[in-house]
Amino acid sequence: MSSLASELDLALTLARIAEGEILPRFRTVSVAHKPDGTEVTEADREAERAMREHLADERPDHAVLGEEFGKGGPDDARYQWVLDPVDGTAGFTIGMPLFGTLVGLLEEGTPVVGVIHFPALDETVYAARGEGCRFRTAESEHAVSTDPVESLDAATVTTTALHSSDVTAEDDQTPYRLTELVRRAGKFRFVTDCTQHALVARGRTHAAVDTLMRPWDVAALVPCVREAGGVAQPLDPDADDIVFGGSLVTAGSAALLDTVRNLLQPDTNGVSHLG
């Protein structure tokens, strides 16, 4: 068994613990807003609280970083759990079933375990370093792999929203050239949050773009895509840490990722940053 097998089992348990707090509140929960304007619900908070309590019992020497309650645990811990109880809160609040629970584990800053769990669908994509990626439903479970399409004009490409793009960007956001990507992709679709990266890992789509990401949005996704044979990188060519890089592109092949990443870079005097 992998040295990470017990940690992957724990990550899957944490996702189920979160589900126990989330599903009873699905389609009935009230919405509040954080100081930054993003939505939050009782389901977000109680699910993360339950996961943290379980981790405190099972891994007291590990650190934790969560969307709702920030950092906790030893500052010098080798392992850090990264939690997003409800990824896709905006959809969750209006009754859309495509939200996910993300549980990631970093070993000395490197993402090594990832669970993408969809409570309302009872589907899970999960992986640990060196062990491949698997997809589980209520009826079956099997290994999955990316579809290594290399050409953009043959690829299905997705994104979640238009923020930090040439369509709409705040003053402090990078205007990534999403319009050009839409024009040149073989097929382009909007797909919610973590769902789009899970689809890349499963080989159902070929590349997924998120122009704005926080560490808890990223940590669980990277092991799943990479263990499925795909690639993952921040969009910013100067970012040297994928989890804290502020954005994410995943793809089934390195060639496609490079094409998408290069194409998205804002023009500087007509020349791409990665040109």
C-alpha atoms as a PDB file:
ATOM      1  CA  MET A   1       0.000   0.000   0.000  1.00  0.00           C
ATOM      2  CA  SER A   2       1.086   3.569  -0.640  1.00  0.00           C
ATOM      3  CA  SER A   3       2.425   5.520   2.305  1.00  0.00           C
ATOM      4  CA  LEU A   4      -0.394   7.935   1.506  1.00  0.00           C
ATOM      5  CA  ALA A   5      -3.131   5.290   1.548  1.00  0.00           C
ATOM      6  CA  SER A   6      -4.221   6.111   5.085  1.00  0.00           C
ATOM      7  CA  GLU A   7      -4.249   9.823   4.284  1.00  0.00           C
ATOM      8  CA  LEU A   8      -6.401   9.215   1.210  1.00  0.00           C
ATOM      9  CA  ASP A   9      -8.801   7.149   3.307  1.00  0.00           C
ATOM     10  CA  LEU A  10      -8.957   9.997   5.803  1.00  0.00           C
ATOM     11  CA  ALA A  11      -9.593  12.524   3.026  1.00  0.00           C
ATOM     12  CA  LEU A  12     -12.508  10.438   1.754  1.00  0.00           C
ATOM     13  CA  THR A  13     -13.869  10.204   5.299  1.00  0.00           C
ATOM     14  CA  LEU A  14     -13.607  13.971   5.703  1.00  0.00           C
ATOM     15  CA  ALA A  15     -15.623  14.489   2.520  1.00  0.00           C
ATOM     16  CA  ARG A  16     -18.375  12.226   3.865  1.00  0.00           C
ATOM     17  CA  ILE A  17     -18.341  14.043   7.200  1.00  0.00           C
ATOM     18  CA  ALA A  18     -18.827  17.313   5.329  1.00  0.00           C
ATOM     19  CA  GLU A  19     -21.664  15.772   3.333  1.00  0.00           C
ATOM     20  CA  GLY A  20     -23.482  15.031   6.581  1.00  0.00           C
ATOM     21  CA  GLU A  21     -23.588  18.753   7.317  1.00  0.00           C
ATOM     22  CA  ILE A  22     -24.243  19.909   3.752  1.00  0.00           C
ATOM     23  CA  LEU A  23     -27.049  17.769   2.360  1.00  0.00           C
ATOM     24  CA  PRO A  24     -29.572  18.420   5.162  1.00  0.00           C
ATOM     25  CA  ARG A  25     -29.205  22.138   4.357  1.00  0.00           C
ATOM     26  CA  PHE A  26     -29.277  21.810   0.563  1.00  0.00           C
ATOM     27  CA  ARG A  27     -32.088  23.839  -1.059  1.00  0.00           C
ATOM     28  CA  THR A  28     -33.151  25.298   2.314  1.00  0.00           C
ATOM     29  CA  VAL A  29     -30.112  27.242   3.484  1.00  0.00           C
ATOM     30  CA  SER A  30     -30.011  31.015   3.927  1.00  0.00           C
ATOM     31  CA  VAL A  31     -27.163  33.082   2.486  1.00  0.00           C
ATOM     32  CA  ALA A  32     -24.855  35.614   4.107  1.00  0.00           C
ATOM     33  CA  HIS A  33     -21.984  37.587   2.619  1.00  0.00           C
ATOM     34  CA  LYS A  34     -18.354  37.799   3.692  1.00  0.00           C
ATOM     35  CA  PRO A  35     -16.513  41.135   3.827  1.00  0.00           C
ATOM     36  CA  ASP A  36     -15.162  40.464   0.314  1.00  0.00           C
ATOM     37  CA  GLY A  37     -18.705  40.093  -1.026  1.00  0.00           C
ATOM     38  CA  THR A  38     -18.603  36.329  -1.614  1.00  0.00           C
ATOM     39  CA  GLU A  39     -21.480  34.181  -0.431  1.00  0.00           C
ATOM     40  CA  VAL A  40     -21.319  31.890   2.595  1.00  0.00           C
ATOM     41  CA  THR A  41     -23.854  29.614   4.241  1.00  0.00           C
ATOM     42  CA  GLU A  42     -24.272  27.661   7.446  1.00  0.00           C
ATOM     43  CA  ALA A  43     -23.465  24.553   5.400  1.00  0.00           C
ATOM     44  CA  ASP A  44     -20.025  25.945   4.504  1.00  0.00           C
ATOM     45  CA  ARG A  45     -19.203  26.761   8.109  1.00  0.00           C
ATOM     46  CA  GLU A  46     -20.582  23.664   9.799  1.00  0.00           C
ATOM     47  CA  ALA A  47     -19.069  21.288   7.254  1.00  0.00           C
ATOM     48  CA  GLU A  48     -15.620  22.799   7.701  1.00  0.00           C
ATOM     49  CA  ARG A  49     -16.027  22.832  11.467  1.00  0.00           C
ATOM     50  CA  ALA A  50     -16.854  19.112  11.460  1.00  0.00           C
ATOM     51  CA  MET A  51     -13.877  18.281   9.240  1.00  0.00           C
ATOM     52  CA  ARG A  52     -11.530  20.280  11.459  1.00  0.00           C
ATOM     53  CA  GLU A  53     -12.790  18.550  14.585  1.00  0.00           C
ATOM     54  CA  HIS A  54     -12.158  15.148  13.015  1.00  0.00           C
ATOM     55  CA  LEU A  55      -8.663  16.177  11.928  1.00  0.00           C
ATOM     56  CA  ALA A  56      -7.853  17.457  15.404  1.00  0.00           C
ATOM     57  CA  ASP A  57      -8.588  13.967  16.718  1.00  0.00           C
ATOM     58  CA  GLU A  58      -6.978  11.965  13.907  1.00  0.00           C
ATOM     59  CA  ARG A  59      -3.989  14.146  12.910  1.00  0.00           C
ATOM     60  CA  PRO A  60      -3.223  16.612  15.718  1.00  0.00           C
ATOM     61  CA  ASP A  61       0.313  17.129  14.365  1.00  0.00           C
ATOM     62  CA  HIS A  62      -0.953  18.253  10.939  1.00  0.00           C
ATOM     63  CA  ALA A  63      -1.756  21.824   9.925  1.00  0.00           C
ATOM     64  CA  VAL A  64      -5.071  22.909   8.384  1.00  0.00           C
ATOM     65  CA  LEU A  65      -6.052  25.662   5.953  1.00  0.00           C
ATOM     66  CA  GLY A  66      -9.740  26.165   5.228  1.00  0.00           C
ATOM     67  CA  GLU A  67     -11.845  28.662   3.335  1.00  0.00           C
ATOM     68  CA  GLU A  68     -14.046  29.516   6.294  1.00  0.00           C
ATOM     69  CA  PHE A  69     -11.709  29.433   9.314  1.00  0.00           C
ATOM     70  CA  GLY A  70      -8.242  30.028   7.893  1.00  0.00           C
ATOM     71  CA  LYS A  71      -5.064  28.442   9.212  1.00  0.00           C
ATOM     72  CA  GLY A  72      -4.688  26.170  12.214  1.00  0.00           C
ATOM     73  CA  GLY A  73      -2.329  23.596  13.700  1.00  0.00           C
ATOM     74  CA  PRO A  74       1.472  23.603  13.979  1.00  0.00           C
ATOM     75  CA  ASP A  75       3.273  26.176  11.846  1.00  0.00           C
ATOM     76  CA  ASP A  76       6.111  23.735  11.136  1.00  0.00           C
ATOM     77  CA  ALA A  77       3.935  20.741  10.209  1.00  0.00           C
ATOM     78  CA  ARG A  78       5.115  18.577   7.322  1.00  0.00           C
ATOM     79  CA  TYR A  79       1.515  17.999   6.245  1.00  0.00           C
ATOM     80  CA  GLN A  80      -1.247  20.553   5.748  1.00  0.00           C
ATOM     81  CA  TRP A  81      -4.878  19.757   4.965  1.00  0.00           C
ATOM     82  CA  VAL A  82      -6.599  22.252   2.668  1.00  0.00           C
ATOM     83  CA  LEU A  83     -10.397  22.314   2.885  1.00  0.00           C
ATOM     84  CA  ASP A  84     -13.175  23.845   0.822  1.00  0.00           C
ATOM     85  CA  PRO A  85     -16.454  22.506   2.237  1.00  0.00           C
ATOM     86  CA  VAL A  86     -18.702  23.863  -0.528  1.00  0.00           C
ATOM     87  CA  ASP A  87     -16.892  24.713  -3.741  1.00  0.00           C
ATOM     88  CA  GLY A  88     -19.531  26.436  -5.821  1.00  0.00           C
ATOM     89  CA  THR A  89     -21.494  28.142  -3.046  1.00  0.00           C
ATOM     90  CA  ALA A  90     -23.223  30.434  -5.562  1.00  0.00           C
ATOM     91  CA  GLY A  91     -24.771  27.419  -7.288  1.00  0.00           C
ATOM     92  CA  PHE A  92     -25.444  25.636  -4.012  1.00  0.00           C
ATOM     93  CA  THR A  93     -27.527  28.553  -2.748  1.00  0.00           C
ATOM     94  CA  ILE A  94     -29.916  28.381  -5.712  1.00  0.00           C
ATOM     95  CA  GLY A  95     -30.317  24.608  -5.574  1.00  0.00           C
ATOM     96  CA  MET A  96     -27.862  23.538  -8.277  1.00  0.00           C
ATOM     97  CA  PRO A  97     -26.465  20.057  -7.501  1.00  0.00           C
ATOM     98  CA  LEU A  98     -23.010  20.518  -9.084  1.00  0.00           C
ATOM     99  CA  PHE A  99     -21.226  21.929  -6.026  1.00  0.00           C
ATOM    100  CA  GLY A 100     -18.330  19.961  -4.577  1.00  0.00           C
ATOM    101  CA  THR A 101     -16.424  19.358  -1.365  1.00  0.00           C
ATOM    102  CA  LEU A 102     -12.656  19.628  -1.816  1.00  0.00           C
ATOM    103  CA  VAL A 103     -10.164  17.936   0.501  1.00  0.00           C
ATOM    104  CA  GLY A 104      -6.490  18.314  -0.343  1.00  0.00           C
ATOM    105  CA  LEU A 105      -3.298  17.352   1.458  1.00  0.00           C
ATOM    106  CA  LEU A 106       0.033  19.112   1.009  1.00  0.00           C
ATOM    107  CA  GLU A 107       3.326  17.470   1.922  1.00  0.00           C
ATOM    108  CA  GLU A 108       5.877  20.219   2.479  1.00  0.00           C
ATOM    109  CA  GLY A 109       3.788  22.419   0.197  1.00  0.00           C
ATOM    110  CA  THR A 110       3.291  19.874  -2.595  1.00  0.00           C
ATOM    111  CA  PRO A 111      -0.266  18.607  -3.265  1.00  0.00           C
ATOM    112  CA  VAL A 112      -0.176  14.815  -2.806  1.00  0.00           C
ATOM    113  CA  VAL A 113      -3.775  13.785  -2.020  1.00  0.00           C
ATOM    114  CA  GLY A 114      -6.971  15.122  -3.515  1.00  0.00           C
ATOM    115  CA  VAL A 115     -10.666  14.370  -3.150  1.00  0.00           C
ATOM    116  CA  ILE A 116     -13.342  16.060  -5.267  1.00  0.00           C
ATOM    117  CA  HIS A 117     -16.660  14.913  -3.841  1.00  0.00           C
ATOM    118  CA  PHE A 118     -20.092  15.842  -5.192  1.00  0.00           C
ATOM    119  CA  PRO A 119     -22.540  15.253  -2.321  1.00  0.00           C
ATOM    120  CA  ALA A 120     -25.763  15.851  -4.251  1.00  0.00           C
ATOM    121  CA  LEU A 121     -24.650  13.503  -7.053  1.00  0.00           C
ATOM    122  CA  ASP A 122     -22.919  10.923  -4.847  1.00  0.00           C
ATOM    123  CA  GLU A 123     -19.876  11.010  -7.127  1.00  0.00           C
ATOM    124  CA  THR A 124     -16.217  11.292  -6.165  1.00  0.00           C
ATOM    125  CA  VAL A 125     -12.964  11.770  -8.059  1.00  0.00           C
ATOM    126  CA  TYR A 126      -9.930  11.065  -5.886  1.00  0.00           C
ATOM    127  CA  ALA A 127      -6.201  10.414  -6.056  1.00  0.00           C
ATOM    128  CA  ALA A 128      -2.978  10.041  -4.088  1.00  0.00           C
ATOM    129  CA  ARG A 129       0.534  10.535  -5.427  1.00  0.00           C
ATOM    130  CA  GLY A 130       1.729   7.451  -7.277  1.00  0.00           C
ATOM    131  CA  GLU A 131      -1.630   5.670  -7.031  1.00  0.00           C
ATOM    132  CA  GLY A 132      -3.538   6.946 -10.051  1.00  0.00           C
ATOM    133  CA  CYS A 133      -6.929   8.627 -10.096  1.00  0.00           C
ATOM    134  CA  ARG A 134     -10.290   6.932  -9.515  1.00  0.00           C
ATOM    135  CA  PHE A 135     -13.930   7.809 -10.041  1.00  0.00           C
ATOM    136  CA  ARG A 136     -16.593   6.460  -7.684  1.00  0.00           C
ATOM    137  CA  THR A 137     -20.371   6.522  -7.984  1.00  0.00           C
ATOM    138  CA  ALA A 138     -23.068   4.782  -5.966  1.00  0.00           C
ATOM    139  CA  GLU A 139     -23.010   1.938  -8.517  1.00  0.00           C
ATOM    140  CA  SER A 140     -19.348   1.529  -9.455  1.00  0.00           C
ATOM    141  CA  GLU A 141     -15.727   2.568  -9.042  1.00  0.00           C
ATOM    142  CA  HIS A 142     -12.917   2.559 -11.581  1.00  0.00           C
ATOM    143  CA  ALA A 143      -9.627   4.136 -12.584  1.00  0.00           C
ATOM    144  CA  VAL A 144      -9.820   7.163 -14.871  1.00  0.00           C
ATOM    145  CA  SER A 145      -7.373   8.938 -17.147  1.00  0.00           C
ATOM    146  CA  THR A 146      -7.257  12.136 -19.127  1.00  0.00           C
ATOM    147  CA  ASP A 147      -7.814  12.296 -22.870  1.00  0.00           C
ATOM    148  CA  PRO A 148      -4.439  13.520 -24.239  1.00  0.00           C
ATOM    149  CA  VAL A 149      -5.770  15.688 -27.070  1.00  0.00           C
ATOM    150  CA  GLU A 150      -3.011  18.059 -28.172  1.00  0.00           C
ATOM    151  CA  SER A 151      -4.671  20.326 -30.719  1.00  0.00           C
ATOM    152  CA  LEU A 152      -6.833  23.207 -29.475  1.00  0.00           C
ATOM    153  CA  ASP A 153      -9.169  22.974 -32.459  1.00  0.00           C
ATOM    154  CA  ALA A 154      -9.943  19.365 -31.474  1.00  0.00           C
ATOM    155  CA  ALA A 155     -10.372  20.120 -27.776  1.00  0.00           C
ATOM    156  CA  THR A 156     -13.344  20.733 -25.514  1.00  0.00           C
ATOM    157  CA  VAL A 157     -12.326  23.596 -23.232  1.00  0.00           C
ATOM    158  CA  THR A 158     -14.255  24.989 -20.274  1.00  0.00           C
ATOM    159  CA  THR A 159     -14.238  27.832 -17.792  1.00  0.00           C
ATOM    160  CA  THR A 160     -16.379  28.806 -14.830  1.00  0.00           C
ATOM    161  CA  ALA A 161     -16.901  32.551 -15.207  1.00  0.00           C
ATOM    162  CA  LEU A 162     -15.773  35.692 -17.035  1.00  0.00           C
ATOM    163  CA  HIS A 163     -13.923  37.401 -14.180  1.00  0.00           C
ATOM    164  CA  SER A 164     -10.288  38.371 -14.725  1.00  0.00           C
ATOM    165  CA  SER A 165     -10.670  38.203 -18.486  1.00  0.00           C
ATOM    166  CA  ASP A 166     -10.766  40.520 -21.474  1.00  0.00           C
ATOM    167  CA  VAL A 167     -14.563  40.372 -21.183  1.00  0.00           C
ATOM    168  CA  THR A 168     -14.662  41.769 -17.656  1.00  0.00           C
ATOM    169  CA  ALA A 169     -11.821  42.459 -15.234  1.00  0.00           C
ATOM    170  CA  GLU A 170     -11.456  44.632 -12.158  1.00  0.00           C
ATOM    171  CA  ASP A 171      -8.527  47.036 -11.960  1.00  0.00           C
ATOM    172  CA  ASP A 172      -6.508  44.562  -9.895  1.00  0.00           C
ATOM    173  CA  GLN A 173      -7.267  41.559 -12.122  1.00  0.00           C
ATOM    174  CA  THR A 174      -5.359  40.227 -15.119  1.00  0.00           C
ATOM    175  CA  PRO A 175      -7.387  40.506 -18.359  1.00  0.00           C
ATOM    176  CA  TYR A 176      -6.693  37.004 -19.674  1.00  0.00           C
ATOM    177  CA  ARG A 177      -7.667  36.645 -23.353  1.00  0.00           C
ATOM    178  CA  LEU A 178     -10.693  34.444 -22.896  1.00  0.00           C
ATOM    179  CA  THR A 179     -12.340  35.723 -26.056  1.00  0.00           C
ATOM    180  CA  GLU A 180      -9.542  34.335 -28.205  1.00  0.00           C
ATOM    181  CA  LEU A 181      -9.768  30.989 -26.428  1.00  0.00           C
ATOM    182  CA  VAL A 182     -13.505  30.801 -27.094  1.00  0.00           C
ATOM    183  CA  ARG A 183     -12.929  31.490 -30.785  1.00  0.00           C
ATOM    184  CA  ARG A 184     -10.177  28.941 -31.277  1.00  0.00           C
ATOM    185  CA  ALA A 185     -11.283  25.987 -29.136  1.00  0.00           C
ATOM    186  CA  GLY A 186     -12.972  23.106 -30.907  1.00  0.00           C
ATOM    187  CA  LYS A 187     -15.785  23.343 -28.373  1.00  0.00           C
ATOM    188  CA  PHE A 188     -16.140  25.810 -25.496  1.00  0.00           C
ATOM    189  CA  ARG A 189     -18.501  25.506 -22.544  1.00  0.00           C
ATOM    190  CA  PHE A 190     -19.127  27.106 -19.159  1.00  0.00           C
ATOM    191  CA  VAL A 191     -18.905  24.446 -16.425  1.00  0.00           C
ATOM    192  CA  THR A 192     -19.120  25.118 -12.705  1.00  0.00           C
ATOM    193  CA  ASP A 193     -16.108  25.345 -10.402  1.00  0.00           C
ATOM    194  CA  CYS A 194     -14.410  22.057  -9.458  1.00  0.00           C
ATOM    195  CA  THR A 195     -16.675  20.095 -11.797  1.00  0.00           C
ATOM    196  CA  GLN A 196     -14.723  21.239 -14.835  1.00  0.00           C
ATOM    197  CA  HIS A 197     -11.394  19.961 -13.501  1.00  0.00           C
ATOM    198  CA  ALA A 198     -12.966  16.668 -12.438  1.00  0.00           C
ATOM    199  CA  LEU A 199     -14.155  16.267 -16.026  1.00  0.00           C
ATOM    200  CA  VAL A 200     -10.593  16.780 -17.289  1.00  0.00           C
ATOM    201  CA  ALA A 201      -9.345  14.101 -14.880  1.00  0.00           C
ATOM    202  CA  ARG A 202     -12.046  11.734 -16.137  1.00  0.00           C
ATOM    203  CA  GLY A 203     -11.153  12.360 -19.788  1.00  0.00           C
ATOM    204  CA  ARG A 204     -14.559  13.843 -20.558  1.00  0.00           C
ATOM    205  CA  THR A 205     -13.177  17.277 -21.486  1.00  0.00           C
ATOM    206  CA  HIS A 206      -9.665  18.331 -22.474  1.00  0.00           C
ATOM    207  CA  ALA A 207      -8.791  21.590 -20.690  1.00  0.00           C
ATOM    208  CA  ALA A 208     -10.278  23.732 -17.915  1.00  0.00           C
ATOM    209  CA  VAL A 209      -9.480  27.323 -16.989  1.00  0.00           C
ATOM    210  CA  ASP A 210     -10.006  29.226 -13.736  1.00  0.00           C
ATOM    211  CA  THR A 211      -8.620  32.750 -13.834  1.00  0.00           C
ATOM    212  CA  LEU A 212      -9.147  33.408 -10.108  1.00  0.00           C
ATOM    213  CA  MET A 213      -8.419  30.715  -7.527  1.00  0.00           C
ATOM    214  CA  ARG A 214      -7.625  30.453  -3.822  1.00  0.00           C
ATOM    215  CA  PRO A 215      -5.477  27.690  -2.284  1.00  0.00           C
ATOM    216  CA  TRP A 216      -8.530  25.755  -1.074  1.00  0.00           C
ATOM    217  CA  ASP A 217      -9.916  25.826  -4.633  1.00  0.00           C
ATOM    218  CA  VAL A 218      -6.736  24.296  -6.061  1.00  0.00           C
ATOM    219  CA  ALA A 219      -5.120  21.844  -3.640  1.00  0.00           C
ATOM    220  CA  ALA A 220      -7.482  18.895  -4.157  1.00  0.00           C
ATOM    221  CA  LEU A 221      -7.696  19.282  -7.931  1.00  0.00           C
ATOM    222  CA  VAL A 222      -4.008  19.000  -8.759  1.00  0.00           C
ATOM    223  CA  PRO A 223      -3.365  15.417  -7.558  1.00  0.00           C
ATOM    224  CA  CYS A 224      -6.508  14.197  -9.332  1.00  0.00           C
ATOM    225  CA  VAL A 225      -5.568  15.666 -12.707  1.00  0.00           C
ATOM    226  CA  ARG A 226      -1.891  14.754 -12.485  1.00  0.00           C
ATOM    227  CA  GLU A 227      -2.524  11.183 -11.324  1.00  0.00           C
ATOM    228  CA  ALA A 228      -4.978  10.790 -14.214  1.00  0.00           C
ATOM    229  CA  GLY A 229      -2.084  11.567 -16.565  1.00  0.00           C
ATOM    230  CA  GLY A 230      -2.863  15.239 -17.072  1.00  0.00           C
ATOM    231  CA  VAL A 231      -1.062  18.473 -16.272  1.00  0.00           C
ATOM    232  CA  ALA A 232      -1.869  21.481 -14.096  1.00  0.00           C
ATOM    233  CA  GLN A 233      -0.259  24.922 -13.866  1.00  0.00           C
ATOM    234  CA  PRO A 234      -1.104  28.471 -12.771  1.00  0.00           C
ATOM    235  CA  LEU A 235      -1.928  30.846 -15.612  1.00  0.00           C
ATOM    236  CA  ASP A 236       0.609  33.402 -14.407  1.00  0.00           C
ATOM    237  CA  PRO A 237       4.014  32.455 -15.906  1.00  0.00           C
ATOM    238  CA  ASP A 238       5.729  34.057 -12.903  1.00  0.00           C
ATOM    239  CA  ALA A 239       3.832  32.015 -10.296  1.00  0.00           C
ATOM    240  CA  ASP A 240       6.138  29.435  -8.721  1.00  0.00           C
ATOM    241  CA  ASP A 241       3.598  27.675  -6.470  1.00  0.00           C
ATOM    242  CA  ILE A 242       0.608  25.976  -8.021  1.00  0.00           C
ATOM    243  CA  VAL A 243      -1.551  25.933  -4.878  1.00  0.00           C
ATOM    244  CA  PHE A 244      -0.982  29.612  -4.111  1.00  0.00           C
ATOM    245  CA  GLY A 245      -0.612  30.741  -7.739  1.00  0.00           C
ATOM    246  CA  GLY A 246      -3.978  32.520  -7.897  1.00  0.00           C
ATOM    247  CA  SER A 247      -5.285  30.753 -11.022  1.00  0.00           C
ATOM    248  CA  LEU A 248      -5.336  27.320 -12.622  1.00  0.00           C
ATOM    249  CA  VAL A 249      -5.399  25.612 -15.987  1.00  0.00           C
ATOM    250  CA  THR A 250      -5.608  21.833 -16.267  1.00  0.00           C
ATOM    251  CA  ALA A 251      -5.375  19.741 -19.405  1.00  0.00           C
ATOM    252  CA  GLY A 252      -5.086  16.204 -20.653  1.00  0.00           C
ATOM    253  CA  SER A 253      -1.771  16.888 -22.387  1.00  0.00           C
ATOM    254  CA  ALA A 254       1.190  19.220 -21.879  1.00  0.00           C
ATOM    255  CA  ALA A 255       0.924  20.444 -25.465  1.00  0.00           C
ATOM    256  CA  LEU A 256      -2.687  21.542 -25.020  1.00  0.00           C
ATOM    257  CA  LEU A 257      -1.986  23.174 -21.662  1.00  0.00           C
ATOM    258  CA  ASP A 258       0.889  25.157 -23.163  1.00  0.00           C
ATOM    259  CA  THR A 259      -1.297  26.302 -26.061  1.00  0.00           C
ATOM    260  CA  VAL A 260      -4.155  27.377 -23.777  1.00  0.00           C
ATOM    261  CA  ARG A 261      -1.878  29.041 -21.245  1.00  0.00           C
ATOM    262  CA  ASN A 262       0.018  30.945 -23.931  1.00  0.00           C
ATOM    263  CA  LEU A 263      -3.122  32.040 -25.750  1.00  0.00           C
ATOM    264  CA  LEU A 264      -4.686  33.444 -22.571  1.00  0.00           C
ATOM    265  CA  GLN A 265      -1.788  35.745 -21.718  1.00  0.00           C
ATOM    266  CA  PRO A 266      -2.684  39.437 -22.116  1.00  0.00           C
ATOM    267  CA  ASP A 267      -1.115  41.162 -25.093  1.00  0.00           C
ATOM    268  CA  THR A 268       1.812  43.471 -24.436  1.00  0.00           C
ATOM    269  CA  ASN A 269       2.335  45.517 -27.606  1.00  0.00           C
ATOM    270  CA  GLY A 270       0.749  42.674 -29.510  1.00  0.00           C
ATOM    271  CA  VAL A 271       3.034  39.979 -28.086  1.00  0.00           C
ATOM    272  CA  SER A 272       1.923  37.274 -25.670  1.00  0.00           C
ATOM    273  CA  HIS A 273       3.753  37.099 -22.333  1.00  0.00           C
ATOM    274  CA  LEU A 274       4.778  33.536 -23.102  1.00  0.00           C
ATOM    275  CA  GLY A 275       5.301  34.297 -26.782  1.00  0.00           C
END
